[in-house]
Amino acid sequence: MFKQLLVALAGTVMVLAGSARAEIDPNYRMVLLTENFPPYNMAINGKNFAQEDNIDGIAVDIIREMFKRAGIQYSMTLRFPWDRIYKLALDKPGYGVFVAARLPEREALFKWVGPIGPDDWVLLGKADSSITLNSLEDAKQYKVGAYKGDAIAEHLVEKGLEPITALRDTENAKKLMAGQIDLWATGDPAGRYLAKQDGISGLKTILRFDSAELYLALNKEVPDEVVQKLQAELDKMRSEGFVDDTLNNYL
């Protein structure tokens, strides 16, 4: 009986110790980086640098609420270009970047919280485009514009295409209308939202070739308890309808 009591007490101590380890340091603070990727994240003034309340968008609203509920401190900065902030999140403990497509080749590079929203991958053409495609293979004969460093551009290269990349995805909408490219590889709804901001509408979806879910990608050194807490709060927000309501507010 005494031996059983000792075993039970030891188990209780281990559980309590585990709980203590799982607590999040109240002084822990994360650095969150994002880019102009409307309607998910964008600078209110349209510039390529913004901080805190000067950043808006679907993902921004969701992530702010998620961190607030989780009680985790953070700073938020929008910078340019994507390649730079992606590498910072990859290399620096305590950093995160959003929104990032969760792809097999990226899976082991980060810890993930999400999904925050969908991102279909499409090839857009002008409203009067006569191009018809059944697959990406068919697109190899055309000039395809894409966003440098983006998952879509990387995917095109993997499929044997040679996309003409731009430092800002909005440049591709203008290049499409000017005839400098035949097709624009972009996300939906992001591409259409960007085009509308430049007064371009009526673009035709020539091919819907893939889809991805968008996430908050966290550096591998971020404590598991932080990741788990954020994911739990996001799951609650989704079940309460907060995520869908936020999406509908922008689209």
C-alpha atoms as a PDB file:
ATOM      1  CA  MET A   1       0.000   0.000   0.000  1.00  0.00           C
ATOM      2  CA  PHE A   2       2.805   2.387   0.973  1.00  0.00           C
ATOM      3  CA  LYS A   3       4.650   1.564  -2.259  1.00  0.00           C
ATOM      4  CA  GLN A   4       1.509   2.296  -4.320  1.00  0.00           C
ATOM      5  CA  LEU A   5       1.119   5.621  -2.533  1.00  0.00           C
ATOM      6  CA  LEU A   6       4.703   6.594  -3.363  1.00  0.00           C
ATOM      7  CA  VAL A   7       4.151   5.721  -7.031  1.00  0.00           C
ATOM      8  CA  ALA A   8       0.961   7.798  -7.102  1.00  0.00           C
ATOM      9  CA  LEU A   9       2.691  10.766  -5.458  1.00  0.00           C
ATOM     10  CA  ALA A  10       5.593  10.522  -7.891  1.00  0.00           C
ATOM     11  CA  GLY A  11       3.153  10.553 -10.797  1.00  0.00           C
ATOM     12  CA  THR A  12       1.425  13.632  -9.412  1.00  0.00           C
ATOM     13  CA  VAL A  13       4.752  15.438  -9.050  1.00  0.00           C
ATOM     14  CA  MET A  14       5.651  14.583 -12.640  1.00  0.00           C
ATOM     15  CA  VAL A  15       2.298  15.892 -13.911  1.00  0.00           C
ATOM     16  CA  LEU A  16       2.697  19.117 -11.948  1.00  0.00           C
ATOM     17  CA  ALA A  17       6.249  19.538 -13.207  1.00  0.00           C
ATOM     18  CA  GLY A  18       5.038  18.997 -16.753  1.00  0.00           C
ATOM     19  CA  SER A  19       2.312  21.596 -16.274  1.00  0.00           C
ATOM     20  CA  ALA A  20       4.825  24.069 -14.926  1.00  0.00           C
ATOM     21  CA  ARG A  21       7.062  23.546 -17.939  1.00  0.00           C
ATOM     22  CA  ALA A  22       4.069  24.060 -20.228  1.00  0.00           C
ATOM     23  CA  GLU A  23       3.320  27.510 -18.835  1.00  0.00           C
ATOM     24  CA  ILE A  24       4.193  30.401 -21.140  1.00  0.00           C
ATOM     25  CA  ASP A  25       6.640  32.958 -19.800  1.00  0.00           C
ATOM     26  CA  PRO A  26       4.580  36.172 -19.362  1.00  0.00           C
ATOM     27  CA  ASN A  27       7.578  38.155 -20.622  1.00  0.00           C
ATOM     28  CA  TYR A  28       7.878  36.100 -23.810  1.00  0.00           C
ATOM     29  CA  ARG A  29       7.500  38.334 -26.853  1.00  0.00           C
ATOM     30  CA  MET A  30       7.320  37.448 -30.519  1.00  0.00           C
ATOM     31  CA  VAL A  31       8.277  39.427 -33.607  1.00  0.00           C
ATOM     32  CA  LEU A  32       5.714  38.992 -36.374  1.00  0.00           C
ATOM     33  CA  LEU A  33       6.590  39.994 -39.922  1.00  0.00           C
ATOM     34  CA  THR A  34       4.313  40.332 -42.909  1.00  0.00           C
ATOM     35  CA  GLU A  35       4.154  41.874 -46.374  1.00  0.00           C
ATOM     36  CA  ASN A  36       1.646  43.641 -48.572  1.00  0.00           C
ATOM     37  CA  PHE A  37      -0.540  40.739 -49.662  1.00  0.00           C
ATOM     38  CA  PRO A  38      -4.089  42.108 -49.828  1.00  0.00           C
ATOM     39  CA  PRO A  39      -6.647  41.268 -48.698  1.00  0.00           C
ATOM     40  CA  TYR A  40      -4.843  39.146 -46.097  1.00  0.00           C
ATOM     41  CA  ASN A  41      -2.244  41.683 -44.930  1.00  0.00           C
ATOM     42  CA  MET A  42      -1.576  45.235 -46.099  1.00  0.00           C
ATOM     43  CA  ALA A  43      -0.281  48.622 -45.028  1.00  0.00           C
ATOM     44  CA  ILE A  44      -3.130  51.075 -44.506  1.00  0.00           C
ATOM     45  CA  ASN A  45      -1.171  53.779 -46.340  1.00  0.00           C
ATOM     46  CA  GLY A  46      -0.159  51.409 -49.156  1.00  0.00           C
ATOM     47  CA  LYS A  47       3.551  51.750 -48.403  1.00  0.00           C
ATOM     48  CA  ASN A  48       6.052  48.899 -48.103  1.00  0.00           C
ATOM     49  CA  PHE A  49       6.746  49.591 -44.438  1.00  0.00           C
ATOM     50  CA  ALA A  50       4.236  49.797 -41.622  1.00  0.00           C
ATOM     51  CA  GLN A  51       3.959  48.814 -37.975  1.00  0.00           C
ATOM     52  CA  GLU A  52       1.271  47.814 -35.490  1.00  0.00           C
ATOM     53  CA  ASP A  53      -2.060  49.636 -36.025  1.00  0.00           C
ATOM     54  CA  ASN A  54      -0.993  50.809 -39.490  1.00  0.00           C
ATOM     55  CA  ILE A  55      -1.405  47.251 -40.806  1.00  0.00           C
ATOM     56  CA  ASP A  56      -4.777  45.854 -41.846  1.00  0.00           C
ATOM     57  CA  GLY A  57      -6.276  42.789 -43.480  1.00  0.00           C
ATOM     58  CA  ILE A  58      -7.963  39.437 -42.929  1.00  0.00           C
ATOM     59  CA  ALA A  59      -4.914  37.676 -41.482  1.00  0.00           C
ATOM     60  CA  VAL A  60      -3.933  40.713 -39.415  1.00  0.00           C
ATOM     61  CA  ASP A  61      -7.326  40.855 -37.716  1.00  0.00           C
ATOM     62  CA  ILE A  62      -7.315  37.115 -37.038  1.00  0.00           C
ATOM     63  CA  ILE A  63      -3.746  37.021 -35.709  1.00  0.00           C
ATOM     64  CA  ARG A  64      -4.267  40.046 -33.454  1.00  0.00           C
ATOM     65  CA  GLU A  65      -7.314  38.422 -31.881  1.00  0.00           C
ATOM     66  CA  MET A  66      -5.502  35.102 -31.561  1.00  0.00           C
ATOM     67  CA  PHE A  67      -2.527  36.622 -29.711  1.00  0.00           C
ATOM     68  CA  LYS A  68      -4.846  38.712 -27.531  1.00  0.00           C
ATOM     69  CA  ARG A  69      -6.787  35.639 -26.444  1.00  0.00           C
ATOM     70  CA  ALA A  70      -3.579  33.662 -25.905  1.00  0.00           C
ATOM     71  CA  GLY A  71      -2.116  36.454 -23.765  1.00  0.00           C
ATOM     72  CA  ILE A  72       1.157  36.430 -25.734  1.00  0.00           C
ATOM     73  CA  GLN A  73       3.032  39.663 -26.380  1.00  0.00           C
ATOM     74  CA  TYR A  74       4.134  40.536 -29.900  1.00  0.00           C
ATOM     75  CA  SER A  75       5.198  43.284 -32.268  1.00  0.00           C
ATOM     76  CA  MET A  76       3.992  43.398 -35.873  1.00  0.00           C
ATOM     77  CA  THR A  77       5.881  44.889 -38.802  1.00  0.00           C
ATOM     78  CA  LEU A  78       5.146  44.944 -42.511  1.00  0.00           C
ATOM     79  CA  ARG A  79       8.269  45.003 -44.660  1.00  0.00           C
ATOM     80  CA  PHE A  80       9.458  44.403 -48.201  1.00  0.00           C
ATOM     81  CA  PRO A  81      10.481  42.154 -49.914  1.00  0.00           C
ATOM     82  CA  TRP A  82       9.019  38.758 -48.997  1.00  0.00           C
ATOM     83  CA  ASP A  83      12.356  36.956 -49.461  1.00  0.00           C
ATOM     84  CA  ARG A  84      13.872  39.009 -46.656  1.00  0.00           C
ATOM     85  CA  ILE A  85      11.166  38.559 -44.029  1.00  0.00           C
ATOM     86  CA  TYR A  86      10.809  34.855 -44.857  1.00  0.00           C
ATOM     87  CA  LYS A  87      14.527  34.350 -44.188  1.00  0.00           C
ATOM     88  CA  LEU A  88      14.352  36.329 -40.932  1.00  0.00           C
ATOM     89  CA  ALA A  89      11.566  34.061 -39.652  1.00  0.00           C
ATOM     90  CA  LEU A  90      13.549  31.043 -40.782  1.00  0.00           C
ATOM     91  CA  ASP A  91      16.749  32.118 -39.015  1.00  0.00           C
ATOM     92  CA  LYS A  92      15.733  34.076 -35.899  1.00  0.00           C
ATOM     93  CA  PRO A  93      14.246  32.517 -32.735  1.00  0.00           C
ATOM     94  CA  GLY A  94      11.026  34.203 -31.659  1.00  0.00           C
ATOM     95  CA  TYR A  95      10.160  35.340 -35.180  1.00  0.00           C
ATOM     96  CA  GLY A  96       7.143  34.469 -37.307  1.00  0.00           C
ATOM     97  CA  VAL A  97       5.991  35.378 -40.810  1.00  0.00           C
ATOM     98  CA  PHE A  98       2.505  35.447 -42.333  1.00  0.00           C
ATOM     99  CA  VAL A  99       0.707  34.525 -44.414  1.00  0.00           C
ATOM    100  CA  ALA A 100       2.729  31.611 -45.756  1.00  0.00           C
ATOM    101  CA  ALA A 101       1.535  28.669 -47.827  1.00  0.00           C
ATOM    102  CA  ARG A 102       2.081  25.409 -45.948  1.00  0.00           C
ATOM    103  CA  LEU A 103       3.791  23.269 -48.559  1.00  0.00           C
ATOM    104  CA  PRO A 104       5.487  19.854 -48.214  1.00  0.00           C
ATOM    105  CA  GLU A 105       8.905  21.357 -48.922  1.00  0.00           C
ATOM    106  CA  ARG A 106       8.373  23.960 -46.181  1.00  0.00           C
ATOM    107  CA  GLU A 107       6.790  21.648 -43.599  1.00  0.00           C
ATOM    108  CA  ALA A 108       9.922  20.891 -41.574  1.00  0.00           C
ATOM    109  CA  LEU A 109      11.290  24.441 -41.769  1.00  0.00           C
ATOM    110  CA  PHE A 110       8.750  26.058 -39.425  1.00  0.00           C
ATOM    111  CA  LYS A 111       6.179  25.433 -36.737  1.00  0.00           C
ATOM    112  CA  TRP A 112       2.711  26.209 -38.088  1.00  0.00           C
ATOM    113  CA  VAL A 113      -0.452  27.854 -36.777  1.00  0.00           C
ATOM    114  CA  GLY A 114      -3.528  27.810 -38.975  1.00  0.00           C
ATOM    115  CA  PRO A 115      -5.054  27.609 -41.415  1.00  0.00           C
ATOM    116  CA  ILE A 116      -5.903  31.296 -41.531  1.00  0.00           C
ATOM    117  CA  GLY A 117      -7.467  31.260 -44.979  1.00  0.00           C
ATOM    118  CA  PRO A 118      -7.451  29.651 -48.434  1.00  0.00           C
ATOM    119  CA  ASP A 119      -5.381  30.652 -51.421  1.00  0.00           C
ATOM    120  CA  ASP A 120      -6.332  29.100 -54.740  1.00  0.00           C
ATOM    121  CA  TRP A 121      -3.692  29.262 -57.450  1.00  0.00           C
ATOM    122  CA  VAL A 122      -4.830  30.508 -60.844  1.00  0.00           C
ATOM    123  CA  LEU A 123      -3.607  31.723 -64.188  1.00  0.00           C
ATOM    124  CA  LEU A 124      -5.438  34.929 -65.052  1.00  0.00           C
ATOM    125  CA  GLY A 125      -5.778  36.485 -68.470  1.00  0.00           C
ATOM    126  CA  LYS A 126      -7.362  39.640 -69.828  1.00  0.00           C
ATOM    127  CA  ALA A 127     -11.126  39.608 -70.205  1.00  0.00           C
ATOM    128  CA  ASP A 128     -10.830  39.173 -73.987  1.00  0.00           C
ATOM    129  CA  SER A 129      -8.111  36.502 -73.818  1.00  0.00           C
ATOM    130  CA  SER A 130      -8.608  33.597 -76.212  1.00  0.00           C
ATOM    131  CA  ILE A 131      -6.142  31.349 -74.374  1.00  0.00           C
ATOM    132  CA  THR A 132      -7.495  27.978 -73.262  1.00  0.00           C
ATOM    133  CA  LEU A 133      -5.505  25.619 -71.036  1.00  0.00           C
ATOM    134  CA  ASN A 134      -6.072  22.139 -69.673  1.00  0.00           C
ATOM    135  CA  SER A 135      -2.916  22.003 -67.549  1.00  0.00           C
ATOM    136  CA  LEU A 136       0.221  23.915 -66.612  1.00  0.00           C
ATOM    137  CA  GLU A 137       2.014  21.973 -69.338  1.00  0.00           C
ATOM    138  CA  ASP A 138      -0.105  23.856 -71.873  1.00  0.00           C
ATOM    139  CA  ALA A 139       1.049  27.177 -70.375  1.00  0.00           C
ATOM    140  CA  LYS A 140       4.712  26.618 -71.272  1.00  0.00           C
ATOM    141  CA  GLN A 141       4.194  28.271 -74.662  1.00  0.00           C
ATOM    142  CA  TYR A 142       3.078  31.540 -73.050  1.00  0.00           C
ATOM    143  CA  LYS A 143       4.764  34.335 -71.087  1.00  0.00           C
ATOM    144  CA  VAL A 144       3.685  33.817 -67.483  1.00  0.00           C
ATOM    145  CA  GLY A 145       4.192  36.496 -64.843  1.00  0.00           C
ATOM    146  CA  ALA A 146       4.593  35.635 -61.145  1.00  0.00           C
ATOM    147  CA  TYR A 147       5.683  37.164 -57.826  1.00  0.00           C
ATOM    148  CA  LYS A 148       9.386  36.680 -57.018  1.00  0.00           C
ATOM    149  CA  GLY A 149       9.980  34.325 -54.087  1.00  0.00           C
ATOM    150  CA  ASP A 150       6.329  33.365 -53.786  1.00  0.00           C
ATOM    151  CA  ALA A 151       5.218  29.736 -53.433  1.00  0.00           C
ATOM    152  CA  ILE A 152       3.324  29.971 -56.728  1.00  0.00           C
ATOM    153  CA  ALA A 153       6.433  31.065 -58.621  1.00  0.00           C
ATOM    154  CA  GLU A 154       8.419  28.229 -57.014  1.00  0.00           C
ATOM    155  CA  HIS A 155       5.715  25.755 -58.005  1.00  0.00           C
ATOM    156  CA  LEU A 156       5.812  26.899 -61.634  1.00  0.00           C
ATOM    157  CA  VAL A 157       9.568  26.368 -61.771  1.00  0.00           C
ATOM    158  CA  GLU A 158       9.162  22.875 -60.311  1.00  0.00           C
ATOM    159  CA  LYS A 159       6.675  22.120 -63.088  1.00  0.00           C
ATOM    160  CA  GLY A 160       9.162  23.171 -65.753  1.00  0.00           C
ATOM    161  CA  LEU A 161       7.902  26.700 -66.481  1.00  0.00           C
ATOM    162  CA  GLU A 162      10.103  29.777 -66.564  1.00  0.00           C
ATOM    163  CA  PRO A 163       7.981  32.532 -65.006  1.00  0.00           C
ATOM    164  CA  ILE A 164       8.851  36.188 -65.497  1.00  0.00           C
ATOM    165  CA  THR A 165       8.970  37.390 -61.904  1.00  0.00           C
ATOM    166  CA  ALA A 166       8.244  40.814 -60.450  1.00  0.00           C
ATOM    167  CA  LEU A 167       9.189  42.241 -57.043  1.00  0.00           C
ATOM    168  CA  ARG A 168       5.559  43.285 -56.467  1.00  0.00           C
ATOM    169  CA  ASP A 169       2.653  41.111 -57.526  1.00  0.00           C
ATOM    170  CA  THR A 170       0.594  44.174 -58.443  1.00  0.00           C
ATOM    171  CA  GLU A 171       3.118  44.847 -61.242  1.00  0.00           C
ATOM    172  CA  ASN A 172       1.916  41.671 -62.945  1.00  0.00           C
ATOM    173  CA  ALA A 173      -1.624  43.017 -63.311  1.00  0.00           C
ATOM    174  CA  LYS A 174      -0.261  46.042 -65.161  1.00  0.00           C
ATOM    175  CA  LYS A 175       2.079  43.909 -67.267  1.00  0.00           C
ATOM    176  CA  LEU A 176      -0.845  41.682 -68.219  1.00  0.00           C
ATOM    177  CA  MET A 177      -2.940  44.625 -69.373  1.00  0.00           C
ATOM    178  CA  ALA A 178       0.034  46.059 -71.277  1.00  0.00           C
ATOM    179  CA  GLY A 179       0.614  42.786 -73.100  1.00  0.00           C
ATOM    180  CA  GLN A 180       4.038  42.232 -71.538  1.00  0.00           C
ATOM    181  CA  ILE A 181       2.872  38.876 -70.201  1.00  0.00           C
ATOM    182  CA  ASP A 182       0.140  36.572 -71.496  1.00  0.00           C
ATOM    183  CA  LEU A 183      -0.877  35.081 -68.160  1.00  0.00           C
ATOM    184  CA  TRP A 184      -0.588  36.065 -64.511  1.00  0.00           C
ATOM    185  CA  ALA A 185       0.036  33.298 -61.977  1.00  0.00           C
ATOM    186  CA  THR A 186      -1.390  34.519 -58.704  1.00  0.00           C
ATOM    187  CA  GLY A 187      -3.606  33.690 -55.768  1.00  0.00           C
ATOM    188  CA  ASP A 188      -7.353  34.005 -55.692  1.00  0.00           C
ATOM    189  CA  PRO A 189      -8.798  36.164 -54.135  1.00  0.00           C
ATOM    190  CA  ALA A 190      -5.534  38.055 -53.650  1.00  0.00           C
ATOM    191  CA  GLY A 191      -4.847  38.686 -57.342  1.00  0.00           C
ATOM    192  CA  ARG A 192      -8.274  40.061 -58.113  1.00  0.00           C
ATOM    193  CA  TYR A 193      -8.176  42.272 -55.036  1.00  0.00           C
ATOM    194  CA  LEU A 194      -4.784  43.689 -56.073  1.00  0.00           C
ATOM    195  CA  ALA A 195      -5.936  44.305 -59.633  1.00  0.00           C
ATOM    196  CA  LYS A 196      -9.039  46.176 -58.461  1.00  0.00           C
ATOM    197  CA  GLN A 197      -6.883  48.510 -56.384  1.00  0.00           C
ATOM    198  CA  ASP A 198      -5.259  49.579 -59.675  1.00  0.00           C
ATOM    199  CA  GLY A 199      -8.609  49.936 -61.423  1.00  0.00           C
ATOM    200  CA  ILE A 200      -8.261  46.641 -63.276  1.00  0.00           C
ATOM    201  CA  SER A 201     -11.296  44.371 -63.286  1.00  0.00           C
ATOM    202  CA  GLY A 202     -12.874  41.655 -65.383  1.00  0.00           C
ATOM    203  CA  LEU A 203      -9.812  39.396 -65.471  1.00  0.00           C
ATOM    204  CA  LYS A 204     -10.577  35.893 -66.705  1.00  0.00           C
ATOM    205  CA  THR A 205      -9.554  32.715 -64.881  1.00  0.00           C
ATOM    206  CA  ILE A 206      -7.833  30.692 -67.597  1.00  0.00           C
ATOM    207  CA  LEU A 207      -6.747  27.840 -65.327  1.00  0.00           C
ATOM    208  CA  ARG A 208      -7.248  26.980 -61.651  1.00  0.00           C
ATOM    209  CA  PHE A 209      -4.299  24.684 -61.098  1.00  0.00           C
ATOM    210  CA  ASP A 210      -3.742  24.253 -57.383  1.00  0.00           C
ATOM    211  CA  SER A 211      -4.675  25.472 -53.947  1.00  0.00           C
ATOM    212  CA  ALA A 212      -2.968  26.060 -50.642  1.00  0.00           C
ATOM    213  CA  GLU A 213      -3.903  26.947 -47.099  1.00  0.00           C
ATOM    214  CA  LEU A 214      -2.288  30.038 -45.602  1.00  0.00           C
ATOM    215  CA  TYR A 215      -0.667  29.908 -42.162  1.00  0.00           C
ATOM    216  CA  LEU A 216       1.392  31.769 -39.596  1.00  0.00           C
ATOM    217  CA  ALA A 217       4.871  30.231 -39.940  1.00  0.00           C
ATOM    218  CA  LEU A 218       6.910  30.314 -36.724  1.00  0.00           C
ATOM    219  CA  ASN A 219      10.639  29.814 -36.242  1.00  0.00           C
ATOM    220  CA  LYS A 220      11.511  26.280 -35.119  1.00  0.00           C
ATOM    221  CA  GLU A 221      12.816  27.623 -31.787  1.00  0.00           C
ATOM    222  CA  VAL A 222       9.410  29.019 -30.740  1.00  0.00           C
ATOM    223  CA  PRO A 223       8.341  26.963 -27.675  1.00  0.00           C
ATOM    224  CA  ASP A 224       5.796  24.243 -28.368  1.00  0.00           C
ATOM    225  CA  GLU A 225       3.524  25.563 -25.627  1.00  0.00           C
ATOM    226  CA  VAL A 226       3.295  28.904 -27.470  1.00  0.00           C
ATOM    227  CA  VAL A 227       2.416  27.170 -30.745  1.00  0.00           C
ATOM    228  CA  GLN A 228      -0.172  24.954 -29.040  1.00  0.00           C
ATOM    229  CA  LYS A 229      -1.797  27.871 -27.215  1.00  0.00           C
ATOM    230  CA  LEU A 230      -2.087  29.937 -30.393  1.00  0.00           C
ATOM    231  CA  GLN A 231      -3.532  26.994 -32.318  1.00  0.00           C
ATOM    232  CA  ALA A 232      -6.069  26.290 -29.571  1.00  0.00           C
ATOM    233  CA  GLU A 233      -7.255  29.904 -29.597  1.00  0.00           C
ATOM    234  CA  LEU A 234      -7.509  29.947 -33.387  1.00  0.00           C
ATOM    235  CA  ASP A 235      -9.547  26.743 -33.325  1.00  0.00           C
ATOM    236  CA  LYS A 236     -11.944  28.364 -30.826  1.00  0.00           C
ATOM    237  CA  MET A 237     -12.204  31.483 -32.977  1.00  0.00           C
ATOM    238  CA  ARG A 238     -13.070  29.362 -35.992  1.00  0.00           C
ATOM    239  CA  SER A 239     -15.745  27.401 -34.131  1.00  0.00           C
ATOM    240  CA  GLU A 240     -17.265  30.681 -32.900  1.00  0.00           C
ATOM    241  CA  GLY A 241     -17.480  32.041 -36.458  1.00  0.00           C
ATOM    242  CA  PHE A 242     -14.863  34.764 -35.946  1.00  0.00           C
ATOM    243  CA  VAL A 243     -12.650  33.564 -38.816  1.00  0.00           C
ATOM    244  CA  ASP A 244     -15.484  33.323 -41.363  1.00  0.00           C
ATOM    245  CA  ASP A 245     -16.897  36.687 -40.288  1.00  0.00           C
ATOM    246  CA  THR A 246     -13.488  38.313 -40.777  1.00  0.00           C
ATOM    247  CA  LEU A 247     -13.094  36.796 -44.255  1.00  0.00           C
ATOM    248  CA  ASN A 248     -16.544  38.020 -45.257  1.00  0.00           C
ATOM    249  CA  ASN A 249     -15.791  41.546 -44.018  1.00  0.00           C
ATOM    250  CA  TYR A 250     -13.072  41.939 -46.654  1.00  0.00           C
ATOM    251  CA  LEU A 251     -14.324  39.893 -49.612  1.00  0.00           C
END
